[in-house]
Amino acid sequence: MALQGSLQDLALPDVIQLVSVSGKTGVFNLSGDGIEGKIYLKEGQIVDALVANLRGEYAVYEMAMWRKGQFIFTPGVDSEKVTVTKSNTSLMMEAARRLDEWRVLQRKISSLDAVAYFLPRDPGHDQITLSPQEWQVVTKIDGARSIRQLEDATGLPAFDVCKVLYGLVTSGLIALRGTDDKPATQGKPAGPSVTTLLALAENVRKVADDIVGLAGSITVEKQYRFARAEVEAGKGMAAVQKMVDNLARAISLLEGGDKAGEFLRRVTPLVQG
């Protein structure tokens, strides 16, 4: 007989604990806010999980934070893959830690349907230094995508996207609005600001300099200055992408295809569209 119920009545970690103690094999089918996921157990241990674009332990963490929705456990169903190797205890402890952190994030992020947009900044206001993961999110903010859509666009878990957005909101770089609220600016949704794009171009230059060293520093500087001019002329993210393409070709000629590939692997998470 299938076990089923509401996540409002029973938290998922408690339900998993109940099933795992009995040593059962089967699958949890979960649904909440229009999203469906699965968690597979074998002899009481979680072996696989998937939800949206996540699979493995991060899918478990995502679903463990759901507070609304339904679950149903169907015994005797096996997974074709093993994507989780941590113990149930380790998984649930990490899920609990993330839930505590999520409560903090909710002080500024009330809904995954909220839309992130850039706040106006004066030219040369300050230097922006962001991590690769932060750049990965920043370059996808267009004033129209919701947090759920940013999750799809970046390939990052919603939790990680929210952590990045929390820091960006706190620093005054972006703000969040409801999907029904009108954008703060009219017309085409704003992309990354000129200041943000110039900082991104600087980061790309640093990666290129690290790859080619002194031998290619003049070429790197030339492409960097050209990109700066285009950014300041209003060419937007396309100017930075053009810089990346030109540098990749130059590095291939100077250092060979392997080095060009290394360069692209390091900068692609920052500028991919």
C-alpha atoms as a PDB file:
ATOM      1  CA  MET A   1       0.000   0.000   0.000  1.00  0.00           C
ATOM      2  CA  ALA A   2       1.269   3.456  -0.920  1.00  0.00           C
ATOM      3  CA  LEU A   3       2.036   6.008   1.801  1.00  0.00           C
ATOM      4  CA  GLN A   4       0.745   9.472   0.970  1.00  0.00           C
ATOM      5  CA  GLY A   5       0.047  12.788   2.613  1.00  0.00           C
ATOM      6  CA  SER A   6       0.642  16.533   2.705  1.00  0.00           C
ATOM      7  CA  LEU A   7       3.978  18.254   3.302  1.00  0.00           C
ATOM      8  CA  GLN A   8       2.085  20.799   5.383  1.00  0.00           C
ATOM      9  CA  ASP A   9       1.319  18.035   7.883  1.00  0.00           C
ATOM     10  CA  LEU A  10       4.592  16.099   7.698  1.00  0.00           C
ATOM     11  CA  ALA A  11       7.986  17.518   6.747  1.00  0.00           C
ATOM     12  CA  LEU A  12       9.773  15.487   4.100  1.00  0.00           C
ATOM     13  CA  PRO A  13      12.776  14.595   6.324  1.00  0.00           C
ATOM     14  CA  ASP A  14      10.384  13.082   8.877  1.00  0.00           C
ATOM     15  CA  VAL A  15       8.596  11.072   6.200  1.00  0.00           C
ATOM     16  CA  ILE A  16      11.882   9.778   4.772  1.00  0.00           C
ATOM     17  CA  GLN A  17      13.017   8.802   8.251  1.00  0.00           C
ATOM     18  CA  LEU A  18       9.797   6.849   8.749  1.00  0.00           C
ATOM     19  CA  VAL A  19      10.266   4.910   5.514  1.00  0.00           C
ATOM     20  CA  SER A  20      14.015   4.395   5.871  1.00  0.00           C
ATOM     21  CA  VAL A  21      13.648   2.783   9.315  1.00  0.00           C
ATOM     22  CA  SER A  22      11.495   0.097   7.729  1.00  0.00           C
ATOM     23  CA  GLY A  23      14.215  -0.585   5.143  1.00  0.00           C
ATOM     24  CA  LYS A  24      11.834  -0.246   2.213  1.00  0.00           C
ATOM     25  CA  THR A  25      12.695   0.123  -1.456  1.00  0.00           C
ATOM     26  CA  GLY A  26      10.558   2.475  -3.518  1.00  0.00           C
ATOM     27  CA  VAL A  27      10.054   6.010  -4.779  1.00  0.00           C
ATOM     28  CA  PHE A  28       8.643   9.201  -3.322  1.00  0.00           C
ATOM     29  CA  ASN A  29       6.723  11.248  -5.874  1.00  0.00           C
ATOM     30  CA  LEU A  30       6.425  14.843  -4.702  1.00  0.00           C
ATOM     31  CA  SER A  31       4.549  17.802  -6.109  1.00  0.00           C
ATOM     32  CA  GLY A  32       4.466  21.420  -5.012  1.00  0.00           C
ATOM     33  CA  ASP A  33       3.881  24.775  -6.717  1.00  0.00           C
ATOM     34  CA  GLY A  34       3.558  23.073 -10.090  1.00  0.00           C
ATOM     35  CA  ILE A  35       6.893  21.261  -9.719  1.00  0.00           C
ATOM     36  CA  GLU A  36       7.280  17.500  -9.484  1.00  0.00           C
ATOM     37  CA  GLY A  37      10.193  15.512  -8.113  1.00  0.00           C
ATOM     38  CA  LYS A  38      11.229  12.000  -7.184  1.00  0.00           C
ATOM     39  CA  ILE A  39      13.339  10.485  -4.420  1.00  0.00           C
ATOM     40  CA  TYR A  40      14.314   6.834  -4.729  1.00  0.00           C
ATOM     41  CA  LEU A  41      15.198   4.613  -1.770  1.00  0.00           C
ATOM     42  CA  LYS A  42      16.819   1.195  -1.782  1.00  0.00           C
ATOM     43  CA  GLU A  43      16.524  -0.787   1.419  1.00  0.00           C
ATOM     44  CA  GLY A  44      15.782   2.440   3.252  1.00  0.00           C
ATOM     45  CA  GLN A  45      18.692   4.459   1.852  1.00  0.00           C
ATOM     46  CA  ILE A  46      18.284   7.330  -0.606  1.00  0.00           C
ATOM     47  CA  VAL A  47      20.066   6.396  -3.840  1.00  0.00           C
ATOM     48  CA  ASP A  48      18.686   8.844  -6.397  1.00  0.00           C
ATOM     49  CA  ALA A  49      16.650  12.045  -6.609  1.00  0.00           C
ATOM     50  CA  LEU A  50      15.595  14.448  -9.316  1.00  0.00           C
ATOM     51  CA  VAL A  51      13.618  17.663  -9.555  1.00  0.00           C
ATOM     52  CA  ALA A  52      13.626  20.252 -12.357  1.00  0.00           C
ATOM     53  CA  ASN A  53      17.234  20.433 -13.637  1.00  0.00           C
ATOM     54  CA  LEU A  54      18.733  18.958 -10.457  1.00  0.00           C
ATOM     55  CA  ARG A  55      19.700  15.365  -9.781  1.00  0.00           C
ATOM     56  CA  GLY A  56      21.400  13.743  -6.816  1.00  0.00           C
ATOM     57  CA  GLU A  57      21.865  15.192  -3.353  1.00  0.00           C
ATOM     58  CA  TYR A  58      21.071  18.780  -4.407  1.00  0.00           C
ATOM     59  CA  ALA A  59      17.681  17.600  -5.607  1.00  0.00           C
ATOM     60  CA  VAL A  60      17.108  16.128  -2.133  1.00  0.00           C
ATOM     61  CA  TYR A  61      18.043  19.431  -0.481  1.00  0.00           C
ATOM     62  CA  GLU A  62      15.710  21.323  -2.820  1.00  0.00           C
ATOM     63  CA  MET A  63      12.685  19.150  -2.019  1.00  0.00           C
ATOM     64  CA  ALA A  64      13.468  18.929   1.691  1.00  0.00           C
ATOM     65  CA  MET A  65      12.761  22.682   1.913  1.00  0.00           C
ATOM     66  CA  TRP A  66       9.284  22.386   0.434  1.00  0.00           C
ATOM     67  CA  ARG A  67       6.631  23.292   2.981  1.00  0.00           C
ATOM     68  CA  LYS A  68       3.620  22.838   0.718  1.00  0.00           C
ATOM     69  CA  GLY A  69       2.656  20.046  -1.610  1.00  0.00           C
ATOM     70  CA  GLN A  70       1.832  16.357  -1.661  1.00  0.00           C
ATOM     71  CA  PHE A  71       3.870  13.203  -1.401  1.00  0.00           C
ATOM     72  CA  ILE A  72       3.178   9.585  -2.206  1.00  0.00           C
ATOM     73  CA  PHE A  73       5.550   6.675  -1.581  1.00  0.00           C
ATOM     74  CA  THR A  74       5.225   3.727  -3.924  1.00  0.00           C
ATOM     75  CA  PRO A  75       7.101   0.620  -2.746  1.00  0.00           C
ATOM     76  CA  GLY A  76       8.980  -1.742  -5.033  1.00  0.00           C
ATOM     77  CA  VAL A  77      10.127   0.876  -7.575  1.00  0.00           C
ATOM     78  CA  ASP A  78      13.869   0.983  -8.337  1.00  0.00           C
ATOM     79  CA  SER A  79      15.946   3.769  -9.856  1.00  0.00           C
ATOM     80  CA  GLU A  80      18.045   3.154 -12.951  1.00  0.00           C
ATOM     81  CA  LYS A  81      20.866   5.262 -11.504  1.00  0.00           C
ATOM     82  CA  VAL A  82      22.677   5.818  -8.219  1.00  0.00           C
ATOM     83  CA  THR A  83      23.341   9.539  -7.846  1.00  0.00           C
ATOM     84  CA  VAL A  84      23.402   9.801  -4.038  1.00  0.00           C
ATOM     85  CA  THR A  85      26.072   8.159  -1.904  1.00  0.00           C
ATOM     86  CA  LYS A  86      25.755  10.092   1.365  1.00  0.00           C
ATOM     87  CA  SER A  87      23.888   8.546   4.261  1.00  0.00           C
ATOM     88  CA  ASN A  88      20.329   9.618   4.999  1.00  0.00           C
ATOM     89  CA  THR A  89      21.545  11.189   8.223  1.00  0.00           C
ATOM     90  CA  SER A  90      24.137  13.335   6.435  1.00  0.00           C
ATOM     91  CA  LEU A  91      21.603  14.394   3.830  1.00  0.00           C
ATOM     92  CA  MET A  92      18.999  15.398   6.388  1.00  0.00           C
ATOM     93  CA  MET A  93      21.529  17.279   8.511  1.00  0.00           C
ATOM     94  CA  GLU A  94      22.609  19.305   5.495  1.00  0.00           C
ATOM     95  CA  ALA A  95      18.959  19.847   4.530  1.00  0.00           C
ATOM     96  CA  ALA A  96      18.268  21.173   8.034  1.00  0.00           C
ATOM     97  CA  ARG A  97      21.247  23.537   7.819  1.00  0.00           C
ATOM     98  CA  ARG A  98      20.008  24.847   4.480  1.00  0.00           C
ATOM     99  CA  LEU A  99      16.518  25.317   5.881  1.00  0.00           C
ATOM    100  CA  ASP A 100      17.946  27.487   8.672  1.00  0.00           C
ATOM    101  CA  GLU A 101      19.850  29.513   6.088  1.00  0.00           C
ATOM    102  CA  TRP A 102      16.751  29.767   3.907  1.00  0.00           C
ATOM    103  CA  ARG A 103      14.880  31.401   6.782  1.00  0.00           C
ATOM    104  CA  VAL A 104      17.520  34.146   6.727  1.00  0.00           C
ATOM    105  CA  LEU A 105      17.311  34.498   2.935  1.00  0.00           C
ATOM    106  CA  GLN A 106      13.543  34.924   3.151  1.00  0.00           C
ATOM    107  CA  ARG A 107      14.046  38.235   4.933  1.00  0.00           C
ATOM    108  CA  LYS A 108      14.825  39.713   1.528  1.00  0.00           C
ATOM    109  CA  ILE A 109      13.483  37.030  -0.839  1.00  0.00           C
ATOM    110  CA  SER A 110       9.831  36.344  -0.188  1.00  0.00           C
ATOM    111  CA  SER A 111       9.076  34.273  -3.290  1.00  0.00           C
ATOM    112  CA  LEU A 112      10.822  32.318  -6.046  1.00  0.00           C
ATOM    113  CA  ASP A 113       8.514  34.125  -8.460  1.00  0.00           C
ATOM    114  CA  ALA A 114      10.152  37.475  -7.652  1.00  0.00           C
ATOM    115  CA  VAL A 115      11.944  39.210 -10.521  1.00  0.00           C
ATOM    116  CA  ALA A 116      15.444  40.626 -10.094  1.00  0.00           C
ATOM    117  CA  TYR A 117      16.401  43.909 -11.752  1.00  0.00           C
ATOM    118  CA  PHE A 118      19.402  46.221 -11.605  1.00  0.00           C
ATOM    119  CA  LEU A 119      19.244  49.411  -9.611  1.00  0.00           C
ATOM    120  CA  PRO A 120      20.564  52.632 -11.222  1.00  0.00           C
ATOM    121  CA  ARG A 121      24.213  53.268 -10.403  1.00  0.00           C
ATOM    122  CA  ASP A 122      26.321  56.319 -11.093  1.00  0.00           C
ATOM    123  CA  PRO A 123      29.197  55.712 -13.567  1.00  0.00           C
ATOM    124  CA  GLY A 124      32.387  54.908 -11.714  1.00  0.00           C
ATOM    125  CA  HIS A 125      30.462  54.564  -8.455  1.00  0.00           C
ATOM    126  CA  ASP A 126      32.696  51.749  -7.261  1.00  0.00           C
ATOM    127  CA  GLN A 127      34.553  48.646  -8.413  1.00  0.00           C
ATOM    128  CA  ILE A 128      32.486  45.469  -8.490  1.00  0.00           C
ATOM    129  CA  THR A 129      34.256  42.261  -7.535  1.00  0.00           C
ATOM    130  CA  LEU A 130      32.131  39.134  -7.808  1.00  0.00           C
ATOM    131  CA  SER A 131      32.787  35.420  -7.634  1.00  0.00           C
ATOM    132  CA  PRO A 132      32.324  33.220 -10.745  1.00  0.00           C
ATOM    133  CA  GLN A 133      29.005  31.967  -9.362  1.00  0.00           C
ATOM    134  CA  GLU A 134      27.843  35.541  -8.748  1.00  0.00           C
ATOM    135  CA  TRP A 135      28.786  36.491 -12.308  1.00  0.00           C
ATOM    136  CA  GLN A 136      26.898  33.444 -13.533  1.00  0.00           C
ATOM    137  CA  VAL A 137      23.735  34.865 -11.973  1.00  0.00           C
ATOM    138  CA  VAL A 138      24.391  38.554 -12.721  1.00  0.00           C
ATOM    139  CA  THR A 139      24.773  37.946 -16.455  1.00  0.00           C
ATOM    140  CA  LYS A 140      21.315  36.299 -16.570  1.00  0.00           C
ATOM    141  CA  ILE A 141      19.444  39.113 -14.804  1.00  0.00           C
ATOM    142  CA  ASP A 142      17.455  41.009 -17.418  1.00  0.00           C
ATOM    143  CA  GLY A 143      14.646  42.575 -15.419  1.00  0.00           C
ATOM    144  CA  ALA A 144      12.161  39.982 -16.686  1.00  0.00           C
ATOM    145  CA  ARG A 145      13.346  36.595 -15.405  1.00  0.00           C
ATOM    146  CA  SER A 146      11.948  35.326 -12.120  1.00  0.00           C
ATOM    147  CA  ILE A 147      14.151  33.494  -9.636  1.00  0.00           C
ATOM    148  CA  ARG A 148      12.729  30.205 -10.925  1.00  0.00           C
ATOM    149  CA  GLN A 149      13.721  31.213 -14.451  1.00  0.00           C
ATOM    150  CA  LEU A 150      17.180  32.253 -13.259  1.00  0.00           C
ATOM    151  CA  GLU A 151      17.519  28.748 -11.834  1.00  0.00           C
ATOM    152  CA  ASP A 152      16.902  27.310 -15.307  1.00  0.00           C
ATOM    153  CA  ALA A 153      19.083  29.887 -17.065  1.00  0.00           C
ATOM    154  CA  THR A 154      22.100  29.382 -14.782  1.00  0.00           C
ATOM    155  CA  GLY A 155      21.732  25.663 -14.091  1.00  0.00           C
ATOM    156  CA  LEU A 156      22.185  26.435 -10.389  1.00  0.00           C
ATOM    157  CA  PRO A 157      19.860  25.216  -7.623  1.00  0.00           C
ATOM    158  CA  ALA A 158      17.278  27.797  -6.555  1.00  0.00           C
ATOM    159  CA  PHE A 159      18.897  27.861  -3.110  1.00  0.00           C
ATOM    160  CA  ASP A 160      22.254  28.912  -4.585  1.00  0.00           C
ATOM    161  CA  VAL A 161      20.603  31.512  -6.821  1.00  0.00           C
ATOM    162  CA  CYS A 162      18.854  32.961  -3.772  1.00  0.00           C
ATOM    163  CA  LYS A 163      22.100  33.109  -1.799  1.00  0.00           C
ATOM    164  CA  VAL A 164      23.689  35.121  -4.607  1.00  0.00           C
ATOM    165  CA  LEU A 165      20.657  37.402  -4.943  1.00  0.00           C
ATOM    166  CA  TYR A 166      20.571  37.992  -1.185  1.00  0.00           C
ATOM    167  CA  GLY A 167      24.119  39.336  -1.330  1.00  0.00           C
ATOM    168  CA  LEU A 168      23.387  41.461  -4.404  1.00  0.00           C
ATOM    169  CA  VAL A 169      20.263  42.946  -2.800  1.00  0.00           C
ATOM    170  CA  THR A 170      22.176  43.648   0.404  1.00  0.00           C
ATOM    171  CA  SER A 171      24.948  45.404  -1.550  1.00  0.00           C
ATOM    172  CA  GLY A 172      22.408  47.578  -3.375  1.00  0.00           C
ATOM    173  CA  LEU A 173      23.266  46.253  -6.848  1.00  0.00           C
ATOM    174  CA  ILE A 174      19.827  44.773  -7.554  1.00  0.00           C
ATOM    175  CA  ALA A 175      16.285  44.807  -6.186  1.00  0.00           C
ATOM    176  CA  LEU A 176      13.384  42.360  -6.405  1.00  0.00           C
ATOM    177  CA  ARG A 177       9.800  42.977  -7.489  1.00  0.00           C
ATOM    178  CA  GLY A 178       6.696  40.873  -7.781  1.00  0.00           C
ATOM    179  CA  THR A 179       5.754  39.453 -11.187  1.00  0.00           C
ATOM    180  CA  ASP A 180       2.692  41.709 -11.307  1.00  0.00           C
ATOM    181  CA  ASP A 181       4.601  44.855 -10.366  1.00  0.00           C
ATOM    182  CA  LYS A 182       5.690  47.189 -13.133  1.00  0.00           C
ATOM    183  CA  PRO A 183       9.443  47.463 -13.751  1.00  0.00           C
ATOM    184  CA  ALA A 184      11.123  50.490 -12.236  1.00  0.00           C
ATOM    185  CA  THR A 185      12.169  51.595 -15.723  1.00  0.00           C
ATOM    186  CA  GLN A 186      10.082  51.674 -18.880  1.00  0.00           C
ATOM    187  CA  GLY A 187      10.909  50.073 -22.201  1.00  0.00           C
ATOM    188  CA  LYS A 188      13.325  47.204 -22.741  1.00  0.00           C
ATOM    189  CA  PRO A 189      14.382  45.408 -19.530  1.00  0.00           C
ATOM    190  CA  ALA A 190      17.793  46.573 -18.406  1.00  0.00           C
ATOM    191  CA  GLY A 191      20.727  44.234 -18.587  1.00  0.00           C
ATOM    192  CA  PRO A 192      23.925  44.465 -16.582  1.00  0.00           C
ATOM    193  CA  SER A 193      25.007  48.057 -16.001  1.00  0.00           C
ATOM    194  CA  VAL A 194      28.041  49.594 -17.679  1.00  0.00           C
ATOM    195  CA  THR A 195      29.934  49.371 -14.383  1.00  0.00           C
ATOM    196  CA  THR A 196      29.103  45.677 -14.080  1.00  0.00           C
ATOM    197  CA  LEU A 197      30.132  44.934 -17.670  1.00  0.00           C
ATOM    198  CA  LEU A 198      33.424  46.797 -17.315  1.00  0.00           C
ATOM    199  CA  ALA A 199      34.204  44.780 -14.199  1.00  0.00           C
ATOM    200  CA  LEU A 200      33.335  41.593 -16.087  1.00  0.00           C
ATOM    201  CA  ALA A 201      35.660  42.576 -18.943  1.00  0.00           C
ATOM    202  CA  GLU A 202      38.409  43.149 -16.376  1.00  0.00           C
ATOM    203  CA  ASN A 203      37.880  39.649 -14.983  1.00  0.00           C
ATOM    204  CA  VAL A 204      38.060  38.170 -18.492  1.00  0.00           C
ATOM    205  CA  ARG A 205      41.308  40.057 -19.057  1.00  0.00           C
ATOM    206  CA  LYS A 206      42.787  38.626 -15.859  1.00  0.00           C
ATOM    207  CA  VAL A 207      41.975  35.083 -16.976  1.00  0.00           C
ATOM    208  CA  ALA A 208      43.532  35.715 -20.395  1.00  0.00           C
ATOM    209  CA  ASP A 209      46.668  37.252 -18.863  1.00  0.00           C
ATOM    210  CA  ASP A 210      46.987  34.216 -16.604  1.00  0.00           C
ATOM    211  CA  ILE A 211      46.805  31.923 -19.644  1.00  0.00           C
ATOM    212  CA  VAL A 212      49.219  33.713 -22.006  1.00  0.00           C
ATOM    213  CA  GLY A 213      51.590  35.483 -19.611  1.00  0.00           C
ATOM    214  CA  LEU A 214      53.847  38.291 -20.852  1.00  0.00           C
ATOM    215  CA  ALA A 215      54.094  36.825 -24.351  1.00  0.00           C
ATOM    216  CA  GLY A 216      50.536  37.754 -25.193  1.00  0.00           C
ATOM    217  CA  SER A 217      49.875  40.614 -22.802  1.00  0.00           C
ATOM    218  CA  ILE A 218      49.785  43.250 -25.556  1.00  0.00           C
ATOM    219  CA  THR A 219      47.146  41.327 -27.495  1.00  0.00           C
ATOM    220  CA  VAL A 220      45.056  40.845 -24.353  1.00  0.00           C
ATOM    221  CA  GLU A 221      45.299  44.545 -23.503  1.00  0.00           C
ATOM    222  CA  LYS A 222      44.239  45.493 -27.029  1.00  0.00           C
ATOM    223  CA  GLN A 223      41.108  43.348 -26.887  1.00  0.00           C
ATOM    224  CA  TYR A 224      40.309  44.592 -23.392  1.00  0.00           C
ATOM    225  CA  ARG A 225      40.516  48.258 -24.426  1.00  0.00           C
ATOM    226  CA  PHE A 226      38.381  47.597 -27.492  1.00  0.00           C
ATOM    227  CA  ALA A 227      35.742  45.879 -25.329  1.00  0.00           C
ATOM    228  CA  ARG A 228      35.746  48.777 -22.843  1.00  0.00           C
ATOM    229  CA  ALA A 229      35.107  51.233 -25.653  1.00  0.00           C
ATOM    230  CA  GLU A 230      32.199  49.163 -26.971  1.00  0.00           C
ATOM    231  CA  VAL A 231      30.688  48.728 -23.525  1.00  0.00           C
ATOM    232  CA  GLU A 232      30.868  52.465 -22.916  1.00  0.00           C
ATOM    233  CA  ALA A 233      29.264  52.993 -26.341  1.00  0.00           C
ATOM    234  CA  GLY A 234      26.268  50.985 -25.204  1.00  0.00           C
ATOM    235  CA  LYS A 235      26.964  47.636 -26.920  1.00  0.00           C
ATOM    236  CA  GLY A 236      26.155  45.767 -23.696  1.00  0.00           C
ATOM    237  CA  MET A 237      26.956  42.125 -22.993  1.00  0.00           C
ATOM    238  CA  ALA A 238      27.652  41.524 -26.697  1.00  0.00           C
ATOM    239  CA  ALA A 239      30.848  43.568 -26.356  1.00  0.00           C
ATOM    240  CA  VAL A 240      32.169  41.301 -23.599  1.00  0.00           C
ATOM    241  CA  GLN A 241      31.212  38.172 -25.537  1.00  0.00           C
ATOM    242  CA  LYS A 242      33.031  39.534 -28.584  1.00  0.00           C
ATOM    243  CA  MET A 243      36.095  40.103 -26.403  1.00  0.00           C
ATOM    244  CA  VAL A 244      35.965  36.477 -25.264  1.00  0.00           C
ATOM    245  CA  ASP A 245      35.676  35.197 -28.851  1.00  0.00           C
ATOM    246  CA  ASN A 246      38.562  37.341 -30.080  1.00  0.00           C
ATOM    247  CA  LEU A 247      40.781  36.345 -27.166  1.00  0.00           C
ATOM    248  CA  ALA A 248      40.021  32.660 -27.686  1.00  0.00           C
ATOM    249  CA  ARG A 249      41.167  32.905 -31.305  1.00  0.00           C
ATOM    250  CA  ALA A 250      44.276  34.871 -30.331  1.00  0.00           C
ATOM    251  CA  ILE A 251      45.208  32.417 -27.562  1.00  0.00           C
ATOM    252  CA  SER A 252      44.756  29.509 -29.963  1.00  0.00           C
ATOM    253  CA  LEU A 253      47.287  31.110 -32.332  1.00  0.00           C
ATOM    254  CA  LEU A 254      49.711  32.081 -29.562  1.00  0.00           C
ATOM    255  CA  GLU A 255      49.529  29.080 -27.253  1.00  0.00           C
ATOM    256  CA  GLY A 256      47.589  26.374 -29.077  1.00  0.00           C
ATOM    257  CA  GLY A 257      44.112  24.896 -28.878  1.00  0.00           C
ATOM    258  CA  ASP A 258      44.534  23.388 -25.411  1.00  0.00           C
ATOM    259  CA  LYS A 259      45.214  26.786 -23.841  1.00  0.00           C
ATOM    260  CA  ALA A 260      42.333  28.349 -25.755  1.00  0.00           C
ATOM    261  CA  GLY A 261      40.084  25.588 -24.441  1.00  0.00           C
ATOM    262  CA  GLU A 262      41.263  26.231 -20.887  1.00  0.00           C
ATOM    263  CA  PHE A 263      40.510  29.940 -21.319  1.00  0.00           C
ATOM    264  CA  LEU A 264      36.985  29.231 -22.546  1.00  0.00           C
ATOM    265  CA  ARG A 265      36.302  26.760 -19.723  1.00  0.00           C
ATOM    266  CA  ARG A 266      37.241  29.397 -17.176  1.00  0.00           C
ATOM    267  CA  VAL A 267      35.309  32.330 -18.639  1.00  0.00           C
ATOM    268  CA  THR A 268      32.238  30.614 -20.125  1.00  0.00           C
ATOM    269  CA  PRO A 269      30.398  30.369 -16.748  1.00  0.00           C
ATOM    270  CA  LEU A 270      30.764  34.163 -16.496  1.00  0.00           C
ATOM    271  CA  VAL A 271      29.420  35.154 -19.900  1.00  0.00           C
ATOM    272  CA  GLN A 272      27.271  32.341 -21.224  1.00  0.00           C
ATOM    273  CA  GLY A 273      23.914  33.552 -22.472  1.00  0.00           C
END
